[in-house]
Amino acid sequence: MKHLNKIILAYSIFQICIFPVDVSSEEIASIDTKIQKILKVHPEVSLKFLESKEKLFRSKHIDVYPDPKIGFAYRSYPYRQGFNTDRARPDTPGMTGNEYSFSQEVPYPGKLQIEKQILKSDSELDFWNGVWLQNEFLKSYFELVLSIAAIENELSDLQKIEKQMVTKGKLESSQYISENSNISNLLKTKNSVEKIRDRIIEKKITLEEYKKALLFFESHQEARGITEAEIIQYLSAKEIALETELSTDSLTKVPQIKFAEINQSKAIQESKKDEILHLPDFEVFVSYMQRRSKPFLLDSGPLNIAIMDNPEFSGDLWSAGVTVRVPVWSLTKISDLNQSNSIRVERLAREKEKERLRVKAEYQSTVEVWKGNKLRLDNYKKNLLPALQGNIKTSLAAYSKGDSLLGESYDFITDSLEMQSQLYQIQLKRWLSVLKLLILTNNLVPEGVNYEEINK
């Protein structure tokens, strides 16, 4: 009767564990607020968005027109041997003076605008990369929290199983001593106890590993992180929306597809830029030379030294013109470059299609996993665990009538606890499939997240 009371107590514990009671959480900030806060303060999330903003501002500057050039020169020629500034020599024309020049580069029309579009595309690529990393960050964070909770619950059940197996071993040991049982049953129970203990050690190692990994996500949070209950509540609401809006049309917002589309558009812009680079650029210039006044000359001839009238007109000089870069050598290889750009555009178009097909296939397979895990979870709760619970009742009733051994009832309880410990992994797989669906449809992050606020 003493052993029967123990086994009834264990059965009562099992009943409580099958259907855990929901405990209301404390009054805390909504999970949406917590998510937005962690996305704002954690550097892993903000890096790509900062790169996107950096390139966006640079794109606004890159189309600036080339600055004009202003020049000044002092000219004195023709040039004699040595440095001679003697302007009194009769054979030296009055070409000395100050020259002022102005020039302006004129890029080929459309070149600067295309360079702006290319850099803007780089900014958009970084933005969608940031959106994907943001989803991946949140998914990894939620996975860790849910996995830790699942392992803790599973560990608790394994410890209960260990306790029941140890009790069963003691019972079989006393029965063996009293010659009511053989030693084989006792040895099998001892083996089972050691196997359970090894599993407990394995789960504890994994649990510590996950807890240390969680520090990366929560190291920048002032308050405590997001709890398992909050995540399940958040995902449950998202899951309801998924059930009503489940369609492949929602894949148009997937960051990977957006990334592939922009990458293809960027390749087209770069091919146009390469074509323009082979077209001539211009530079216009104007110069004005203010010559030094020379009203007279000294005649330094061998027979006569006298002041002479200046026969040379000494007016100022000016000039204007244009220079053109002629693509002589680059045009000889332009066909190879055009072919390369054409192949690149085609490659990125196929890559975009491949990404679309991959995401669609992944989405459809994840939907099946999600539905399957929901079905299995319902079967666990409605059929499997209640059936195991009923078998425990039947075994206890048979033992009280003397139709079965007490050790058999212990076996039913440990088997039931073993199946219940797997329930948490099924629940975990269900929520992980929901997380994956939310990422594929870009719905994991709360609506209304201000990316500008995240970037600050």
Protein backbone atom coordinates (compact mmCIF):
# COMPACT_ATOMS: atom_id res chain seq x y z
CA MET A 1 0.00 0.00 0.00
CA LYS A 2 2.94 2.34 0.71
CA HIS A 3 4.24 1.88 -2.84
CA LEU A 4 0.73 2.32 -4.23
CA ASN A 5 0.45 5.73 -2.56
CA LYS A 6 3.76 6.76 -4.13
CA ILE A 7 2.69 5.72 -7.59
CA ILE A 8 -0.66 7.50 -7.24
CA LEU A 9 1.25 10.65 -6.25
CA ALA A 10 3.48 10.31 -9.32
CA TYR A 11 0.40 9.83 -11.49
CA SER A 12 -1.12 13.00 -10.05
CA ILE A 13 2.04 14.92 -10.92
CA PHE A 14 1.80 13.57 -14.44
CA GLN A 15 -1.78 14.78 -14.76
CA ILE A 16 -0.75 18.28 -13.78
CA CYS A 17 2.17 18.29 -16.24
CA ILE A 18 0.11 17.28 -19.26
CA PHE A 19 -1.92 20.45 -19.32
CA PRO A 20 0.09 23.25 -17.72
CA VAL A 21 -1.90 26.09 -16.28
CA ASP A 22 -1.38 29.49 -17.90
CA VAL A 23 -0.09 32.02 -15.39
CA SER A 24 -0.85 35.69 -16.02
CA SER A 25 2.34 37.71 -16.56
CA GLU A 26 3.23 40.90 -14.69
CA GLU A 27 2.35 44.29 -16.09
CA ILE A 28 5.21 44.97 -18.50
CA ALA A 29 5.73 46.94 -21.68
CA SER A 30 4.15 45.43 -24.79
CA ILE A 31 6.28 43.08 -26.82
CA ASP A 32 6.05 45.43 -29.81
CA THR A 33 7.74 48.16 -27.80
CA LYS A 34 10.41 45.75 -26.60
CA ILE A 35 11.11 44.55 -30.12
CA GLN A 36 11.42 48.09 -31.45
CA LYS A 37 13.74 48.99 -28.60
CA ILE A 38 16.11 46.07 -29.12
CA LEU A 39 16.14 46.69 -32.89
CA LYS A 40 17.09 50.29 -32.21
CA VAL A 41 19.88 49.75 -29.68
CA HIS A 42 21.58 46.56 -30.92
CA PRO A 43 24.50 47.23 -33.32
CA GLU A 44 23.94 44.01 -35.27
CA VAL A 45 20.68 45.43 -36.63
CA SER A 46 21.66 49.02 -37.31
CA LEU A 47 24.92 48.45 -39.23
CA LYS A 48 23.40 47.74 -42.65
CA PHE A 49 20.85 50.53 -42.28
CA LEU A 50 23.67 52.95 -41.49
CA GLU A 51 25.53 51.79 -44.60
CA SER A 52 22.34 52.35 -46.58
CA LYS A 53 21.99 55.91 -45.27
CA GLU A 54 25.68 56.60 -45.90
CA LYS A 55 25.34 55.64 -49.58
CA LEU A 56 22.02 57.45 -49.91
CA PHE A 57 23.56 60.76 -48.85
CA ARG A 58 26.58 60.09 -51.05
CA SER A 59 24.27 59.48 -54.03
CA LYS A 60 22.77 62.93 -53.48
CA HIS A 61 26.26 64.41 -53.83
CA ILE A 62 27.72 62.31 -56.62
CA ASP A 63 25.74 64.04 -59.40
CA VAL A 64 27.24 67.44 -58.57
CA TYR A 65 28.61 69.21 -61.64
CA PRO A 66 32.43 69.47 -61.89
CA ASP A 67 33.74 72.67 -60.34
CA PRO A 68 35.17 75.27 -62.72
CA LYS A 69 38.91 75.94 -62.79
CA ILE A 70 40.40 79.41 -62.54
CA GLY A 71 44.05 79.86 -63.48
CA PHE A 72 46.72 82.53 -63.35
CA ALA A 73 50.06 82.55 -65.19
CA TYR A 74 52.91 84.99 -65.73
CA ARG A 75 54.22 84.66 -69.27
CA SER A 76 57.43 86.03 -70.82
CA TYR A 77 58.60 84.80 -74.24
CA PRO A 78 60.30 84.13 -76.56
CA TYR A 79 62.69 82.32 -74.29
CA ARG A 80 66.43 82.98 -74.46
CA GLN A 81 69.27 81.10 -72.84
CA GLY A 82 69.12 81.73 -69.17
CA PHE A 83 66.46 83.71 -67.39
CA ASN A 84 66.35 87.15 -69.05
CA THR A 85 63.62 89.66 -68.41
CA ASP A 86 65.28 92.52 -70.27
CA ARG A 87 62.48 93.98 -72.34
CA ALA A 88 64.63 96.75 -73.80
CA ARG A 89 66.14 94.41 -76.41
CA PRO A 90 64.80 95.22 -79.88
CA ASP A 91 64.35 91.58 -80.88
CA THR A 92 62.18 90.77 -77.91
CA PRO A 93 58.49 91.21 -78.73
CA GLY A 94 56.22 92.52 -76.04
CA MET A 95 54.66 89.20 -75.05
CA THR A 96 55.26 89.50 -71.32
CA GLY A 97 52.22 89.85 -69.10
CA ASN A 98 49.70 88.27 -66.74
CA GLU A 99 47.33 85.62 -68.09
CA TYR A 100 44.00 84.74 -66.48
CA SER A 101 42.10 81.61 -67.53
CA PHE A 102 38.75 79.93 -66.84
CA SER A 103 37.80 76.37 -67.80
CA GLN A 104 34.79 74.12 -67.21
CA GLU A 105 34.55 70.34 -67.66
CA VAL A 106 31.34 69.22 -69.37
CA PRO A 107 30.52 65.51 -68.72
CA TYR A 108 28.57 63.67 -71.37
CA PRO A 109 24.82 64.22 -70.80
CA GLY A 110 23.30 61.58 -68.49
CA LYS A 111 26.62 60.33 -67.05
CA LEU A 112 26.23 61.95 -63.62
CA GLN A 113 22.58 60.93 -63.33
CA ILE A 114 23.41 57.27 -64.01
CA GLU A 115 26.20 57.34 -61.40
CA LYS A 116 23.64 58.72 -58.93
CA GLN A 117 21.18 55.95 -59.74
CA ILE A 118 23.86 53.27 -59.31
CA LEU A 119 24.85 54.53 -55.87
CA LYS A 120 21.19 54.87 -54.92
CA SER A 121 20.72 51.23 -55.93
CA ASP A 122 23.63 50.31 -53.64
CA SER A 123 21.81 52.13 -50.85
CA GLU A 124 18.61 50.18 -51.57
CA LEU A 125 20.55 46.88 -51.62
CA ASP A 126 21.97 47.65 -48.18
CA PHE A 127 18.50 48.60 -46.97
CA TRP A 128 16.91 45.30 -47.99
CA ASN A 129 19.94 43.45 -46.69
CA GLY A 130 19.34 45.26 -43.40
CA VAL A 131 15.66 44.27 -43.42
CA TRP A 132 16.68 40.63 -43.90
CA LEU A 133 19.33 40.78 -41.17
CA GLN A 134 16.80 42.45 -38.88
CA ASN A 135 14.36 39.57 -39.43
CA GLU A 136 17.13 37.00 -38.98
CA PHE A 137 18.26 38.71 -35.78
CA LEU A 138 14.76 38.66 -34.31
CA LYS A 139 14.20 35.06 -35.47
CA SER A 140 17.46 33.88 -33.87
CA TYR A 141 16.59 35.71 -30.66
CA PHE A 142 13.12 34.17 -30.47
CA GLU A 143 14.49 30.72 -31.33
CA LEU A 144 16.96 30.87 -28.47
CA VAL A 145 14.34 31.97 -25.92
CA LEU A 146 11.87 29.30 -27.06
CA SER A 147 14.58 26.61 -27.20
CA ILE A 148 15.77 27.44 -23.69
CA ALA A 149 12.21 27.21 -22.35
CA ALA A 150 11.61 23.91 -24.19
CA ILE A 151 14.84 22.39 -22.86
CA GLU A 152 14.07 23.53 -19.30
CA ASN A 153 10.62 21.91 -19.47
CA GLU A 154 12.05 18.77 -21.05
CA LEU A 155 14.79 18.67 -18.43
CA SER A 156 12.20 18.90 -15.68
CA ASP A 157 10.33 15.88 -17.12
CA LEU A 158 13.53 13.89 -17.53
CA GLN A 159 14.38 14.51 -13.89
CA LYS A 160 10.90 13.26 -12.95
CA ILE A 161 11.52 10.16 -15.08
CA GLU A 162 14.86 9.63 -13.33
CA LYS A 163 13.14 9.87 -9.97
CA GLN A 164 10.48 7.34 -10.95
CA MET A 165 13.10 4.95 -12.39
CA VAL A 166 15.17 5.15 -9.21
CA THR A 167 12.05 4.38 -7.15
CA LYS A 168 11.24 1.49 -9.47
CA GLY A 169 14.82 0.21 -9.09
CA LYS A 170 14.52 0.23 -5.33
CA LEU A 171 11.23 -1.66 -5.57
CA GLU A 172 12.72 -4.28 -7.90
CA SER A 173 15.77 -4.58 -5.67
CA SER A 174 13.58 -5.38 -2.66
CA GLN A 175 11.54 -7.81 -4.77
CA TYR A 176 14.74 -9.52 -5.95
CA ILE A 177 15.95 -9.89 -2.37
CA SER A 178 12.61 -11.42 -1.43
CA GLU A 179 12.90 -13.67 -4.53
CA ASN A 180 9.73 -12.23 -6.09
CA SER A 181 11.61 -10.95 -9.17
CA ASN A 182 14.64 -11.89 -11.24
CA ILE A 183 17.79 -9.81 -11.54
CA SER A 184 17.26 -9.01 -15.22
CA ASN A 185 14.45 -6.54 -14.50
CA LEU A 186 16.63 -4.79 -11.92
CA LEU A 187 19.59 -4.52 -14.32
CA LYS A 188 17.37 -3.16 -17.11
CA THR A 189 16.03 -0.50 -14.77
CA LYS A 190 19.55 0.48 -13.72
CA ASN A 191 20.54 0.79 -17.39
CA SER A 192 17.52 2.98 -18.03
CA VAL A 193 18.45 5.20 -15.08
CA GLU A 194 21.97 5.72 -16.45
CA LYS A 195 20.62 6.50 -19.93
CA ILE A 196 18.23 9.08 -18.48
CA ARG A 197 21.05 10.66 -16.47
CA ASP A 198 23.17 10.93 -19.61
CA ARG A 199 20.32 12.65 -21.41
CA ILE A 200 19.95 15.05 -18.49
CA ILE A 201 23.66 15.91 -18.70
CA GLU A 202 23.36 16.44 -22.45
CA LYS A 203 20.34 18.74 -22.02
CA LYS A 204 22.13 20.76 -19.32
CA ILE A 205 25.14 21.28 -21.61
CA THR A 206 22.89 22.47 -24.44
CA LEU A 207 20.96 24.69 -22.03
CA GLU A 208 24.12 26.44 -20.83
CA GLU A 209 25.28 26.86 -24.44
CA TYR A 210 22.01 28.56 -25.41
CA LYS A 211 22.02 30.78 -22.34
CA LYS A 212 25.50 32.06 -23.16
CA ALA A 213 24.47 32.65 -26.78
CA LEU A 214 21.46 34.63 -25.53
CA LEU A 215 23.79 37.20 -23.94
CA PHE A 216 24.64 38.51 -27.42
CA PHE A 217 21.01 39.50 -27.96
CA GLU A 218 20.30 40.86 -24.49
CA SER A 219 23.62 42.55 -23.68
CA HIS A 220 22.36 45.95 -24.91
CA GLN A 221 19.04 45.85 -23.08
CA GLU A 222 18.61 47.79 -19.87
CA ALA A 223 15.54 45.88 -18.71
CA ARG A 224 14.97 42.12 -18.82
CA GLY A 225 14.56 40.57 -22.22
CA ILE A 226 11.52 39.21 -23.98
CA THR A 227 10.03 36.18 -22.22
CA GLU A 228 8.76 32.92 -23.70
CA ALA A 229 5.16 33.81 -22.80
CA GLU A 230 5.43 37.13 -24.61
CA ILE A 231 6.92 35.51 -27.71
CA ILE A 232 4.19 32.85 -27.83
CA GLN A 233 1.53 35.51 -27.38
CA TYR A 234 3.09 37.56 -30.18
CA LEU A 235 3.47 34.58 -32.53
CA SER A 236 -0.05 33.36 -31.78
CA ALA A 237 -1.49 36.66 -32.99
CA LYS A 238 0.71 36.51 -36.09
CA GLU A 239 -0.29 32.89 -36.68
CA ILE A 240 -3.97 33.83 -36.80
CA ALA A 241 -3.16 36.43 -39.46
CA LEU A 242 -1.20 33.82 -41.41
CA GLU A 243 -4.19 31.47 -41.44
CA THR A 244 -6.45 34.14 -42.93
CA GLU A 245 -3.92 35.59 -45.41
CA LEU A 246 -1.96 32.47 -46.41
CA SER A 247 -1.06 33.05 -50.04
CA THR A 248 2.05 33.05 -52.22
CA ASP A 249 1.11 36.62 -53.23
CA SER A 250 2.63 37.78 -49.95
CA LEU A 251 6.06 36.68 -51.20
CA THR A 252 6.40 39.90 -53.22
CA LYS A 253 7.67 41.63 -50.05
CA VAL A 254 10.42 39.10 -49.37
CA PRO A 255 13.75 40.95 -48.89
CA GLN A 256 15.71 38.37 -50.94
CA ILE A 257 13.49 38.88 -53.99
CA LYS A 258 13.60 42.66 -53.61
CA PHE A 259 17.39 42.41 -53.33
CA ALA A 260 17.60 40.35 -56.54
CA GLU A 261 15.33 42.77 -58.42
CA ILE A 262 17.37 45.83 -57.41
CA ASN A 263 20.62 44.00 -58.21
CA GLN A 264 19.39 43.31 -61.73
CA SER A 265 18.29 46.94 -62.17
CA LYS A 266 21.70 48.10 -60.95
CA ALA A 267 23.44 45.87 -63.52
CA ILE A 268 21.40 47.49 -66.31
CA GLN A 269 22.38 50.96 -65.06
CA GLU A 270 26.04 49.98 -64.89
CA SER A 271 25.96 48.70 -68.47
CA LYS A 272 24.54 52.07 -69.58
CA LYS A 273 27.29 53.82 -67.64
CA ASP A 274 29.94 51.76 -69.45
CA GLU A 275 28.47 52.84 -72.77
CA ILE A 276 28.56 56.51 -71.77
CA LEU A 277 32.16 56.19 -70.55
CA HIS A 278 33.14 55.53 -74.17
CA LEU A 279 31.48 58.71 -75.34
CA PRO A 280 33.50 61.95 -75.40
CA ASP A 281 33.71 64.35 -72.48
CA PHE A 282 34.29 68.05 -73.14
CA GLU A 283 36.12 70.95 -71.53
CA VAL A 284 35.61 74.58 -72.57
CA PHE A 285 38.10 77.30 -71.67
CA VAL A 286 38.62 81.05 -71.97
CA SER A 287 41.91 82.89 -71.29
CA TYR A 288 42.81 86.56 -71.20
CA MET A 289 46.40 87.88 -71.24
CA GLN A 290 47.09 91.41 -70.07
CA ARG A 291 50.34 92.43 -71.76
CA ARG A 292 52.81 94.85 -70.24
CA SER A 293 52.91 98.28 -71.90
CA LYS A 294 56.12 99.03 -73.95
CA PRO A 295 56.12 102.64 -75.30
CA PHE A 296 59.77 102.64 -76.51
CA LEU A 297 62.86 100.53 -77.23
CA LEU A 298 66.60 101.15 -76.95
CA ASP A 299 68.54 100.50 -80.15
CA SER A 300 71.62 98.54 -79.15
CA GLY A 301 73.19 98.40 -82.61
CA PRO A 302 76.97 98.70 -83.09
CA LEU A 303 76.81 102.17 -84.68
CA ASN A 304 73.88 103.86 -83.04
CA ILE A 305 72.51 103.83 -79.51
CA ALA A 306 69.31 105.78 -79.27
CA ILE A 307 65.69 105.69 -78.06
CA MET A 308 63.40 104.33 -80.75
CA ASP A 309 59.65 104.50 -81.21
CA ASN A 310 57.86 101.19 -80.49
CA PRO A 311 56.70 99.76 -83.83
CA GLU A 312 54.89 96.78 -82.17
CA PHE A 313 51.23 96.85 -81.23
CA SER A 314 51.05 95.83 -77.57
CA GLY A 315 47.33 95.09 -77.09
CA ASP A 316 46.00 92.42 -74.70
CA LEU A 317 45.38 88.86 -75.91
CA TRP A 318 42.49 86.47 -75.34
CA SER A 319 41.62 82.98 -76.50
CA ALA A 320 38.75 80.51 -76.19
CA GLY A 321 38.31 76.91 -77.19
CA VAL A 322 37.16 73.40 -76.37
CA THR A 323 38.98 70.13 -75.77
CA VAL A 324 37.39 66.76 -76.42
CA ARG A 325 38.40 63.36 -75.08
CA VAL A 326 38.33 61.10 -78.13
CA PRO A 327 37.76 57.40 -77.27
CA VAL A 328 40.15 56.01 -79.85
CA TRP A 329 41.64 53.03 -78.02
CA SER A 330 38.74 52.12 -75.73
CA LEU A 331 36.34 51.78 -78.67
CA THR A 332 38.45 48.96 -80.08
CA LYS A 333 37.46 46.79 -77.09
CA ILE A 334 33.91 48.03 -76.50
CA SER A 335 32.30 44.93 -78.02
CA ASP A 336 33.86 42.71 -75.34
CA LEU A 337 32.62 45.01 -72.59
CA ASN A 338 29.11 45.14 -74.05
CA GLN A 339 29.01 41.36 -74.26
CA SER A 340 30.16 41.06 -70.66
CA ASN A 341 27.44 43.47 -69.50
CA SER A 342 24.81 41.62 -71.50
CA ILE A 343 25.79 38.29 -69.93
CA ARG A 344 25.78 39.88 -66.47
CA VAL A 345 22.25 41.26 -66.89
CA GLU A 346 21.05 37.87 -68.12
CA ARG A 347 22.79 36.10 -65.21
CA LEU A 348 21.17 38.38 -62.62
CA ALA A 349 17.77 37.92 -64.27
CA ARG A 350 18.14 34.15 -63.91
CA GLU A 351 19.38 34.60 -60.36
CA LYS A 352 16.27 36.61 -59.54
CA GLU A 353 14.07 33.87 -61.00
CA LYS A 354 16.03 31.20 -59.11
CA GLU A 355 15.58 33.16 -55.86
CA ARG A 356 11.86 33.53 -56.52
CA LEU A 357 11.47 29.78 -57.12
CA ARG A 358 13.61 28.92 -54.08
CA VAL A 359 11.64 31.19 -51.77
CA LYS A 360 8.34 29.88 -53.13
CA ALA A 361 9.41 26.25 -52.61
CA GLU A 362 10.73 27.04 -49.13
CA TYR A 363 7.49 28.83 -48.33
CA GLN A 364 5.34 25.91 -49.47
CA SER A 365 7.43 23.33 -47.60
CA THR A 366 7.35 25.46 -44.45
CA VAL A 367 3.57 25.73 -44.68
CA GLU A 368 3.36 21.93 -44.74
CA VAL A 369 5.73 21.64 -41.76
CA TRP A 370 3.69 24.22 -39.86
CA LYS A 371 0.38 22.47 -40.57
CA GLY A 372 1.92 19.07 -39.78
CA ASN A 373 3.30 20.23 -36.44
CA LYS A 374 -0.06 21.77 -35.52
CA LEU A 375 -1.79 18.49 -36.39
CA ARG A 376 0.74 16.46 -34.41
CA LEU A 377 0.45 18.79 -31.43
CA ASP A 378 -3.34 18.48 -31.45
CA ASN A 379 -3.01 14.69 -31.67
CA TYR A 380 -0.63 14.72 -28.70
CA LYS A 381 -2.99 16.74 -26.54
CA LYS A 382 -6.29 15.19 -27.62
CA ASN A 383 -5.35 11.55 -28.22
CA LEU A 384 -1.87 10.39 -27.27
CA LEU A 385 -1.39 11.89 -23.80
CA PRO A 386 -4.99 11.20 -22.67
CA ALA A 387 -4.60 7.60 -23.89
CA LEU A 388 -1.39 7.21 -21.87
CA GLN A 389 -3.16 8.75 -18.90
CA GLY A 390 -5.98 6.22 -19.27
CA ASN A 391 -3.47 3.36 -19.42
CA ILE A 392 -1.97 4.52 -16.13
CA LYS A 393 -5.43 4.42 -14.54
CA THR A 394 -6.07 0.94 -15.90
CA SER A 395 -2.67 -0.30 -14.69
CA LEU A 396 -3.24 1.10 -11.19
CA ALA A 397 -6.69 -0.49 -11.04
CA ALA A 398 -5.23 -3.84 -12.16
CA TYR A 399 -2.49 -3.62 -9.52
CA SER A 400 -5.02 -2.88 -6.77
CA LYS A 401 -6.88 -6.06 -7.82
CA GLY A 402 -3.64 -8.04 -7.89
CA ASP A 403 -3.75 -8.59 -11.68
CA SER A 404 -0.43 -6.83 -12.44
CA LEU A 405 2.90 -5.92 -10.86
CA LEU A 406 3.62 -2.51 -9.39
CA GLY A 407 6.72 -2.17 -11.56
CA GLU A 408 4.54 -2.30 -14.66
CA SER A 409 2.61 0.73 -13.43
CA TYR A 410 5.92 2.55 -13.00
CA ASP A 411 6.74 1.65 -16.60
CA PHE A 412 3.50 3.23 -17.80
CA ILE A 413 4.22 6.44 -15.88
CA THR A 414 7.80 6.71 -17.15
CA ASP A 415 6.65 6.03 -20.72
CA SER A 416 4.02 8.74 -20.35
CA LEU A 417 6.52 11.23 -18.96
CA GLU A 418 8.91 10.32 -21.78
CA MET A 419 6.25 11.12 -24.39
CA GLN A 420 5.29 14.29 -22.57
CA SER A 421 8.92 15.47 -22.63
CA GLN A 422 8.74 15.30 -26.43
CA LEU A 423 5.68 17.55 -26.41
CA TYR A 424 7.86 20.62 -25.82
CA GLN A 425 9.99 19.86 -28.87
CA ILE A 426 6.84 19.54 -31.01
CA GLN A 427 5.62 22.89 -29.69
CA LEU A 428 9.05 24.37 -30.42
CA LYS A 429 8.98 23.05 -34.01
CA ARG A 430 5.55 24.59 -34.47
CA TRP A 431 6.70 28.05 -33.40
CA LEU A 432 9.91 27.76 -35.40
CA SER A 433 7.87 27.06 -38.54
CA VAL A 434 5.71 30.11 -37.74
CA LEU A 435 8.88 32.18 -37.38
CA LYS A 436 10.13 30.98 -40.75
CA LEU A 437 6.83 31.79 -42.45
CA LEU A 438 6.84 35.27 -40.94
CA ILE A 439 10.37 35.86 -42.23
CA LEU A 440 9.51 34.60 -45.73
CA THR A 441 6.54 36.99 -45.88
CA ASN A 442 8.45 39.81 -44.13
CA ASN A 443 5.88 39.97 -41.31
CA LEU A 444 8.01 39.13 -38.28
CA VAL A 445 8.89 42.70 -37.35
CA PRO A 446 5.95 44.65 -35.85
CA GLU A 447 4.07 46.90 -38.23
CA GLY A 448 4.92 50.56 -38.08
CA VAL A 449 8.60 50.11 -37.26
CA ASN A 450 10.34 53.39 -38.06
CA TYR A 451 13.58 52.57 -39.85
CA GLU A 452 14.74 56.15 -39.41
CA GLU A 453 14.47 55.71 -35.67
CA ILE A 454 16.42 52.43 -35.86
CA ASN A 455 19.19 54.15 -37.79
CA LYS A 456 19.68 56.93 -35.24
